[in-house]
Protein backbone atom coordinates (compact mmCIF):
# COMPACT_ATOMS: atom_id res chain seq x y z
CA MET A 1 7.76 54.47 135.44
CA THR A 2 10.50 52.28 136.75
CA MET A 3 13.59 53.85 138.31
CA LYS A 4 12.34 57.42 138.10
CA ALA A 5 12.85 59.87 140.93
CA LEU A 6 9.70 61.81 140.31
CA LEU A 7 7.85 64.72 141.80
CA LEU A 8 4.06 64.53 141.65
CA VAL A 9 2.71 67.87 140.43
CA GLY A 10 -1.07 67.65 140.22
CA ALA A 11 -1.67 64.97 137.62
CA CYS A 12 1.88 65.39 136.27
CA ALA A 13 4.78 63.16 137.29
CA CYS A 14 7.54 65.73 136.73
CA ALA A 15 11.17 65.68 137.82
CA PHE A 16 12.57 68.76 139.53
CA ALA A 17 16.10 69.59 140.59
CA ALA A 18 17.11 72.63 142.63
CA ALA A 19 20.34 74.37 141.65
CA PRO A 20 22.75 75.99 144.11
CA SER A 21 22.36 79.74 144.59
CA ALA A 22 24.06 81.55 141.73
CA PHE A 23 23.63 84.74 139.79
CA ALA A 24 22.48 84.89 136.17
CA GLN A 25 20.61 81.60 136.20
CA ALA A 26 17.24 81.03 134.57
CA PRO A 27 14.26 78.78 135.39
CA ILE A 28 14.27 76.07 132.72
CA GLN A 29 11.80 73.37 131.71
CA PHE A 30 13.28 70.27 130.08
CA VAL A 31 12.00 67.28 128.10
CA THR A 32 13.94 64.13 127.30
CA GLY A 33 12.48 61.24 125.36
CA ALA A 34 13.86 58.04 123.86
CA GLY A 35 11.98 55.18 122.24
CA SER A 36 12.57 52.10 120.12
CA ALA A 37 10.45 49.50 118.35
CA ILE A 38 11.19 46.08 116.91
CA ASP A 39 9.21 43.29 115.19
CA ASN A 40 9.34 40.19 117.40
CA SER A 41 6.85 38.00 115.57
CA THR A 42 7.78 34.32 115.58
CA PHE A 43 5.64 33.43 112.58
CA ASP A 44 7.20 35.94 110.19
CA THR A 45 9.07 33.62 107.82
CA ALA A 46 9.39 36.43 105.30
CA GLY A 47 11.95 38.16 107.46
CA ASN A 48 12.04 40.78 110.18
CA TRP A 49 10.57 44.08 109.03
CA GLY A 50 13.15 46.24 110.71
CA PRO A 51 13.49 48.37 113.84
CA CYS A 52 13.23 52.13 114.39
CA ALA A 53 14.21 54.54 117.17
CA VAL A 54 13.84 58.17 118.22
CA ALA A 55 15.67 60.34 120.75
CA VAL A 56 15.15 64.00 121.64
CA SER A 57 16.50 66.28 124.36
CA ALA A 58 14.95 69.75 124.64
CA SER A 59 14.72 72.70 127.02
CA ARG A 60 13.08 76.11 127.20
CA GLU A 61 13.04 79.20 129.39
CA ALA A 62 10.10 78.53 131.69
CA PHE A 63 8.27 81.86 131.46
CA GLN A 64 7.72 83.33 128.02
CA GLY A 65 4.96 85.57 126.78
CA ALA A 66 2.15 84.72 124.39
CA GLY A 67 3.57 83.49 121.09
CA GLY A 68 6.91 82.91 122.81
CA ASP A 69 8.77 79.61 123.09
CA THR A 70 11.62 81.27 121.21
CA ASN A 71 14.29 80.82 123.90
CA VAL A 72 14.71 77.06 123.42
CA GLY A 73 17.48 74.55 122.89
CA GLY A 74 17.92 70.91 122.05
CA SER A 75 18.35 68.35 119.32
CA GLY A 76 17.81 64.69 118.46
CA SER A 77 17.49 62.03 115.79
CA PHE A 78 15.04 59.59 114.22
CA VAL A 79 16.10 56.35 112.49
CA VAL A 80 13.89 54.01 110.48
CA SER A 81 15.42 50.80 109.07
CA GLY A 82 14.04 48.44 106.44
CA GLY A 83 13.79 44.71 106.89
CA ALA A 84 15.18 41.75 105.00
CA ALA A 85 13.87 39.63 102.17
CA ALA A 86 10.64 38.84 100.34
CA GLY A 87 10.25 42.31 98.90
CA GLN A 88 10.00 43.96 102.31
CA ALA A 89 13.18 46.04 102.02
CA ASN A 90 11.33 49.31 102.56
CA MET A 91 9.07 48.13 105.36
CA SER A 92 9.47 49.01 109.00
CA VAL A 93 7.52 49.08 112.22
CA CYS A 94 7.59 52.84 111.67
CA SER A 95 5.90 54.12 108.54
CA GLY A 96 7.93 55.49 105.66
CA ALA A 97 11.04 54.49 103.75
CA PRO A 98 14.27 53.79 105.66
CA VAL A 99 16.02 56.94 106.81
CA SER A 100 18.44 58.40 109.30
CA MET A 101 17.89 62.04 110.25
CA ARG A 102 19.17 64.49 112.82
CA PHE A 103 17.35 67.63 113.87
CA ASP A 104 17.38 70.80 115.95
CA VAL A 105 14.62 71.72 118.38
CA ILE A 106 12.95 75.00 117.39
CA ARG A 107 9.92 75.16 119.71
CA VAL A 108 8.83 73.50 122.95
CA VAL A 109 5.41 73.67 124.59
CA VAL A 110 4.96 71.97 127.98
CA SER A 111 1.50 71.36 129.39
CA GLY A 112 1.32 69.30 132.56
CA SER A 113 2.70 65.84 131.90
CA SER A 114 2.93 66.26 128.12
CA ALA A 115 5.14 68.21 125.74
CA THR A 116 4.98 69.11 122.06
CA ILE A 117 8.33 69.64 120.37
CA GLU A 118 8.77 71.18 116.94
CA VAL A 119 11.99 70.24 115.14
CA ARG A 120 13.84 71.08 111.91
CA VAL A 121 15.90 68.44 110.06
CA THR A 122 19.58 69.43 109.85
CA ASP A 123 21.01 66.44 107.96
CA SER A 124 19.81 63.12 106.60
CA ASP A 125 20.65 60.34 104.16
CA ASP A 126 17.46 61.51 102.44
CA PRO A 127 18.54 65.00 101.29
CA THR A 128 15.00 65.93 100.22
CA ILE A 129 13.88 66.31 103.85
CA VAL A 130 16.73 68.54 105.07
CA GLY A 131 15.20 71.79 106.30
CA GLN A 132 11.74 70.28 106.77
CA THR A 133 9.99 70.64 110.11
CA GLY A 134 8.22 67.96 112.10
CA THR A 135 6.62 67.28 115.47
CA ILE A 136 7.33 65.05 118.44
CA THR A 137 4.89 64.63 121.31
CA ALA A 138 6.04 63.12 124.60
CA ASN A 139 4.08 62.16 127.70
CA ASP A 140 5.76 61.65 131.06
CA SER A 141 2.78 60.01 132.76
CA ASN A 142 2.64 57.00 130.44
CA ASP A 143 6.04 56.96 128.69
CA ARG A 144 4.71 57.57 125.20
CA ILE A 145 6.34 59.26 122.22
CA GLU A 146 4.75 60.01 118.83
CA VAL A 147 6.87 61.20 115.89
CA SER A 148 6.06 62.71 112.51
CA ILE A 149 9.03 64.10 110.57
CA GLY A 150 9.98 64.17 106.90
CA GLY A 151 7.23 61.84 105.71
CA ARG A 152 8.08 59.26 108.38
CA SER A 153 6.17 58.54 111.55
CA GLY A 154 6.13 56.20 114.49
CA GLY A 155 4.79 55.56 117.97
CA PHE A 156 6.63 54.25 121.01
CA GLY A 157 5.21 53.17 124.36
CA PRO A 158 5.89 51.03 127.42
CA GLU A 159 3.85 47.99 126.42
CA GLN A 160 5.46 44.96 124.79
CA ALA A 161 2.69 44.34 122.24
CA GLU A 162 1.93 47.90 121.31
CA TYR A 163 1.12 47.43 117.63
CA SER A 164 -0.46 44.49 115.77
CA GLY A 165 0.20 42.14 118.68
CA PHE A 166 3.84 41.40 117.77
CA ILE A 167 5.69 44.71 117.60
CA ASP A 168 7.55 45.47 120.82
CA THR A 169 8.02 49.12 121.80
CA VAL A 170 9.86 50.65 124.73
CA ALA A 171 10.05 54.34 125.67
CA HIS A 172 11.44 56.56 128.41
CA VAL A 173 10.21 60.17 128.92
CA ARG A 174 11.18 62.79 131.51
CA ILE A 175 9.61 66.26 131.87
CA GLY A 176 10.77 68.56 134.64
CA GLY A 177 12.40 71.79 135.69
CA THR A 178 15.68 73.19 136.92
CA VAL A 179 17.51 76.48 137.37
CA ALA A 180 20.66 76.77 135.28
CA ALA A 181 22.92 79.08 133.33
CA ALA A 182 23.48 76.47 130.61
CA ILE A 183 22.28 72.97 129.71
CA THR A 184 24.02 70.37 127.55
CA HIS A 185 21.67 68.06 125.65
CA PHE A 186 22.76 64.62 124.44
CA SER A 187 20.86 62.05 122.37
CA GLY A 188 21.47 59.02 120.21
CA THR A 189 19.64 56.39 118.17
CA GLY A 190 20.83 53.27 116.42
CA THR A 191 19.45 50.32 114.46
CA ALA A 192 21.00 47.22 112.92
CA VAL A 193 19.31 44.92 110.42
CA ASP A 194 20.22 41.72 108.61
CA ILE A 195 19.85 42.32 104.86
CA SER A 196 20.64 38.77 103.78
CA PRO A 197 17.97 37.15 101.57
CA ASP A 198 17.60 34.04 103.75
CA ILE A 199 13.87 34.08 104.37
CA ALA A 200 13.96 30.82 106.28
CA ILE A 201 16.32 31.96 109.05
CA THR A 202 16.58 35.56 110.22
CA ARG A 203 19.46 36.60 112.40
CA GLY A 204 17.58 39.14 114.43
CA ASP A 205 17.71 42.91 114.50
CA CYS A 206 18.61 45.27 117.33
CA THR A 207 17.98 48.91 118.23
CA ALA A 208 18.84 51.42 120.96
CA SER A 209 18.06 54.98 121.98
CA VAL A 210 19.10 57.41 124.71
CA ALA A 211 18.45 61.07 125.55
CA GLY A 212 19.20 63.37 128.47
CA ILE A 213 20.64 66.60 129.86
CA THR A 214 23.49 67.47 132.21
CA VAL A 215 21.97 70.06 134.60
CA PRO A 216 20.79 68.08 136.43
CA THR A 217 22.00 64.75 135.07
CA VAL A 218 18.68 63.35 133.84
CA GLY A 219 17.83 61.00 131.04
CA GLY A 220 17.03 57.52 129.89
CA GLY A 221 16.85 55.20 126.95
CA THR A 222 16.02 51.77 125.57
CA PHE A 223 17.67 48.70 124.07
CA GLN A 224 16.04 45.77 122.24
CA THR A 225 17.18 42.68 120.37
CA GLY A 226 14.91 40.72 118.08
CA LEU A 227 13.92 37.07 118.18
CA SER A 228 15.65 34.73 115.79
CA ALA A 229 15.71 31.19 114.50
CA GLY A 230 19.49 31.51 114.23
CA GLY A 231 22.06 32.43 116.81
CA ASP A 232 23.57 35.62 115.39
CA ILE A 233 22.24 39.12 116.00
CA GLY A 234 24.69 41.04 113.88
CA ASN A 235 26.62 43.77 115.64
CA CYS A 236 24.66 43.48 118.93
CA PHE A 237 26.15 40.79 121.13
CA GLY A 238 24.07 39.18 123.88
CA PRO A 239 20.88 37.18 124.40
CA LEU A 240 18.13 37.35 121.80
CA GLY A 241 14.74 38.83 122.61
CA SER A 242 16.08 41.22 125.26
CA ALA A 243 14.51 44.55 126.16
CA PHE A 244 15.54 46.96 128.89
CA ARG A 245 15.42 50.61 129.80
CA PHE A 246 18.40 52.82 130.59
CA THR A 247 18.44 55.39 133.34
CA VAL A 248 21.33 57.82 132.97
CA THR A 249 23.25 58.08 136.25
CA GLY A 250 26.25 60.09 135.07
CA ALA A 251 27.39 62.08 132.04
CA VAL A 252 30.78 63.41 130.92
CA THR A 253 30.61 65.59 127.82
CA ASP A 254 32.63 68.18 125.93
CA GLY A 255 29.37 70.07 125.38
CA SER A 256 29.47 69.95 121.59
CA THR A 257 30.35 66.56 120.06
CA THR A 258 30.88 63.76 122.59
CA ALA A 259 29.21 62.31 125.67
CA THR A 260 30.14 59.30 127.80
CA LEU A 261 27.22 58.06 129.91
CA SER A 262 26.91 55.78 132.90
CA VAL A 263 23.59 53.95 132.94
CA ALA A 264 21.51 51.72 135.18
CA THR A 265 19.12 49.23 133.58
CA THR A 266 15.79 47.57 134.23
CA ASP A 267 14.52 44.54 132.33
CA VAL A 268 11.28 45.52 130.58
CA TYR A 269 9.69 42.08 130.79
CA SER A 270 10.53 41.15 134.40
CA GLY A 271 10.90 44.60 135.97
CA VAL A 272 14.11 43.39 137.64
CA ALA A 273 17.08 45.74 137.88
CA GLY A 274 19.88 44.72 135.56
CA PRO A 275 23.60 45.40 135.38
CA ALA A 276 25.10 48.87 135.08
CA GLY A 277 26.72 49.86 131.83
CA SER A 278 28.09 52.65 129.68
CA ILE A 279 27.24 54.43 126.42
CA ALA A 280 29.59 56.41 124.19
CA LEU A 281 28.12 59.04 121.84
CA ASP A 282 30.13 60.80 119.13
CA GLU A 283 28.32 63.36 116.97
CA THR A 284 31.23 63.88 114.56
CA ALA A 285 31.50 60.16 113.79
CA ASN A 286 27.71 59.76 114.17
CA SER A 287 28.33 56.68 116.27
CA PHE A 288 26.58 55.07 119.26
CA GLY A 289 28.48 52.46 121.27
CA PHE A 290 27.23 50.61 124.34
CA SER A 291 28.29 48.02 126.87
CA VAL A 292 25.72 46.56 129.27
CA PRO A 293 26.97 43.05 130.07
CA PRO A 294 26.28 40.60 128.57
CA HIS A 295 25.15 42.97 125.82
CA ALA A 296 27.62 45.06 123.82
CA GLY A 297 27.91 46.55 120.38
CA GLY A 298 27.26 49.71 118.50
CA PHE A 299 25.83 51.58 115.57
CA VAL A 300 27.29 53.96 113.03
CA GLN A 301 25.49 55.86 110.30
CA GLY A 302 25.80 54.12 106.93
CA GLY A 303 27.62 51.13 108.40
CA VAL A 304 27.81 47.93 106.33
CA PHE A 305 29.30 44.92 108.09
CA GLY A 306 28.89 41.99 105.72
CA ILE A 307 25.16 41.29 105.76
CA ILE A 308 24.47 43.73 108.61
CA VAL A 309 23.53 47.35 107.90
CA THR A 310 23.47 49.95 110.67
CA ARG A 311 22.00 53.42 110.92
CA ALA A 312 22.65 55.96 113.67
CA GLY A 313 21.92 59.52 114.72
CA VAL A 314 23.88 61.28 117.49
CA ARG A 315 23.64 64.88 118.73
CA VAL A 316 25.37 66.81 121.51
CA ASP A 317 24.73 70.54 122.00
CA THR A 318 24.79 73.19 124.71
CA LYS A 319 22.22 75.95 125.16
CA THR A 320 23.19 78.92 127.33
CA TYR A 321 20.38 80.29 129.48
CA VAL A 322 21.52 83.43 131.26
CA ALA A 323 18.73 85.41 132.87
CA GLU A 324 18.84 89.12 132.21
CA THR A 325 20.97 91.01 134.73
CA SER A 326 20.90 94.47 136.25
CA GLY A 327 23.89 96.55 137.22
CA GLY A 328 22.47 96.98 140.71
CA CYS A 329 18.98 97.37 142.11
CA SER A 330 16.66 96.35 144.92
CA VAL A 331 12.99 95.62 145.36
CA ASN A 332 11.02 95.19 148.56
CA GLY A 333 7.43 95.38 149.66
CA GLY A 334 4.31 93.59 150.75
CA GLY A 335 0.56 93.76 150.60
CA PHE A 336 -2.44 92.05 149.07
CA ILE A 337 -4.02 91.97 145.60
CA ASP A 338 -7.67 91.28 146.41
CA ALA A 339 -10.33 93.25 148.26
CA ASP A 340 -10.58 90.69 151.05
CA GLY A 341 -6.85 90.67 151.73
CA ARG A 342 -6.63 86.90 151.32
CA LYS A 343 -3.99 86.95 148.54
CA ASN A 344 -1.03 88.56 150.23
CA PHE A 345 2.71 88.67 149.66
CA GLY A 346 6.02 89.87 151.01
CA LEU A 347 9.27 90.17 149.10
CA ASN A 348 12.77 91.58 149.13
CA ALA A 349 15.64 91.10 146.72
CA ARG A 350 18.87 92.89 145.88
CA THR A 351 21.61 92.60 143.28
CA ASP A 352 24.86 94.52 142.90
CA GLY A 353 25.56 93.19 139.42
CA SER A 354 27.70 90.28 140.62
CA GLY A 355 25.26 88.36 142.83
CA VAL A 356 21.67 88.26 143.97
CA ARG A 357 20.00 87.52 147.29
CA GLY A 358 16.47 87.76 148.55
CA HIS A 359 13.23 86.03 149.44
CA VAL A 360 9.66 85.86 148.12
CA ASN A 361 6.60 84.74 150.07
CA TYR A 362 3.03 84.51 148.72
CA VAL A 363 -0.11 83.11 150.37
CA ASP A 364 -3.63 82.65 149.01
CA HIS A 365 -5.63 81.88 152.14
CA ALA A 366 -8.73 80.98 150.13
CA THR A 367 -7.06 78.07 148.32
CA GLY A 368 -4.22 77.18 150.67
CA MET A 369 -1.58 78.14 148.11
CA HIS A 370 1.70 79.05 149.82
CA VAL A 371 4.81 79.93 147.81
CA SER A 372 8.08 80.35 149.69
CA SER A 373 11.26 80.87 147.70
CA ILE A 374 14.06 78.31 148.02
CA GLU A 375 16.51 80.21 145.81
CA VAL A 376 16.35 83.58 144.06
CA SER A 377 18.34 83.08 140.87
CA SER A 378 17.95 86.47 139.16
CA LEU A 379 16.65 90.00 139.66
CA VAL A 380 16.05 92.38 136.77
CA CYS A 381 15.05 96.02 137.30
CA SER A 382 13.95 98.40 134.55
CA GLY A 383 12.79 101.79 135.70
CA THR A 384 9.85 101.23 138.03
CA THR A 385 9.44 97.50 137.28
CA ALA A 386 11.29 94.43 138.52
CA THR A 387 11.30 90.69 137.78
CA ILE A 388 12.43 88.05 140.25
CA ARG A 389 13.06 84.45 139.17
CA GLY A 390 13.96 81.34 141.12
CA THR A 391 12.69 78.16 142.77
CA ALA A 392 10.13 77.82 145.55
CA SER A 393 8.38 75.35 147.79
CA THR A 394 4.62 75.08 147.14
CA PRO A 395 1.73 72.67 147.80
CA PHE A 396 2.60 71.19 144.38
CA GLY A 397 6.13 70.52 145.58
CA PRO A 398 9.18 72.44 144.31
CA GLN A 399 8.33 74.79 141.45
CA LEU A 400 9.98 77.37 139.22
CA PHE A 401 8.63 80.86 139.87
CA ARG A 402 8.58 84.30 138.30
CA VAL A 403 7.36 87.42 140.09
CA ASP A 404 6.76 90.73 138.25
CA VAL A 405 6.14 93.92 140.22
CA SER A 406 5.71 97.61 139.41
CA ASP A 407 6.27 100.62 141.67
CA LEU A 408 3.82 103.25 140.45
CA GLY A 409 4.06 105.74 143.28
CA GLU A 410 3.33 106.17 146.96
CA PRO A 411 1.62 104.94 149.00
CA GLY A 412 1.39 101.96 146.65
CA ARG A 413 -2.28 101.68 145.76
CA SER A 414 -1.38 101.70 142.03
CA ASP A 415 1.47 99.18 142.38
CA THR A 416 1.07 95.74 140.78
CA PHE A 417 2.14 92.20 141.67
CA ALA A 418 2.04 89.01 139.54
CA ILE A 419 3.32 85.50 140.17
CA GLN A 420 3.68 82.47 137.86
CA LEU A 421 4.65 78.89 138.69
CA ALA A 422 5.90 76.11 136.44
CA PRO A 423 5.24 73.37 135.64
CA SER A 424 1.94 73.61 137.55
CA GLY A 425 0.82 76.71 135.59
CA TYR A 426 -0.52 78.52 138.68
CA THR A 427 -0.85 82.30 138.22
CA ALA A 428 -2.15 85.23 140.25
CA ALA A 429 -1.96 88.95 139.51
CA GLY A 430 -3.53 92.26 140.41
CA THR A 431 -3.21 95.84 141.52
CA LEU A 432 -2.51 96.23 145.22
CA SER A 433 -5.60 96.70 147.37
CA GLY A 434 -3.26 97.43 150.25
CA GLY A 435 0.47 97.64 150.84
CA ASN A 436 3.42 99.08 148.93
CA ILE A 437 6.23 98.05 146.56
CA GLN A 438 9.49 99.95 146.11
CA VAL A 439 11.92 99.43 143.22
CA ARG A 440 15.27 101.23 143.56
CA SER A 441 18.32 101.42 141.30
CA GLY A 442 21.86 101.29 142.65
């Protein structure tokens, strides 16, 4: 995956960013995915069959119980455009009639290097699909996105001849973790097609997509222009037959409707780094503008510019993730949770309601697992139980962690300890075979 700063977690190439120590932050998993597809056949005298694009930015609280995935945020869009003449007006490289739709993320499941995202359509130029749910799957290890929403579907991948030998697809996927109080998601898609009936000379189509988050600034996207026998590519200015990936290097957003992005680029065909550029997203206007010299242009939903028709979908939203807080409590202890004493731990943490400090250490001598906290982001006490969340160093690399303990009396032989890591999925839990845990209020 070109231009990715990745952390290898088992078989998963997952990004991870540590946040500065702060109270009321939560461990978050995020998924960003953007893909586009375009017909670049040179023998298609009946006209280009039209591009399509998808973009989604999603996040979830990392540790939720069975049947959870309710504390999620995110949004995105999916655009399918029809082609030109010869009765192909409703054809596309993505299946289904032309459409522009925007959606909210309602559920996120992350498993290793893949994620399944459930979405609900919020608005569309096809009113019959508003309120319908659909599914997006994204894979970080091979940059693939599959979409099925509102009777439309599509697949996007890194290869240039992904479908039928002449349909070019490009995709960019990131799955990772962070600790944050709030995350702003941004995403945009756009397509432009020539609707003139000149079946002998097509003027080429173009498409773009981008998706990312702000904490940390992570994201990427794609841009493609079609091949053409003529010299005009509608509202996308620049060389024909281009394809490159964006990597988002900076983002300025109002958190609700607009985002201005700085991007770096890599040419898909040559792998050579290209020029830097910028992208402007406006959810209210539903517009996507870009400038990556020598390419420039833009897309707006329902745009008609002579013989060029554009579609677009832009979303910007902020999800607040504030871990539960306690007015003031402390937890400390140590011991082991197996009969052989090979799974042992030590911990201490304290909060006064305005800040939290502490440390967690866990070692499984049988497997070599060693978890040492980097930051403790929250501490929640309820009676005799306590939950500590934060980030830690591990053999997997940096991970999100959650530790749950219970203080069930002295000298501690009934106390319990449990630890979870994400995204690796490592867990260990048990009643203390030796040691003691103390949870105190105030």
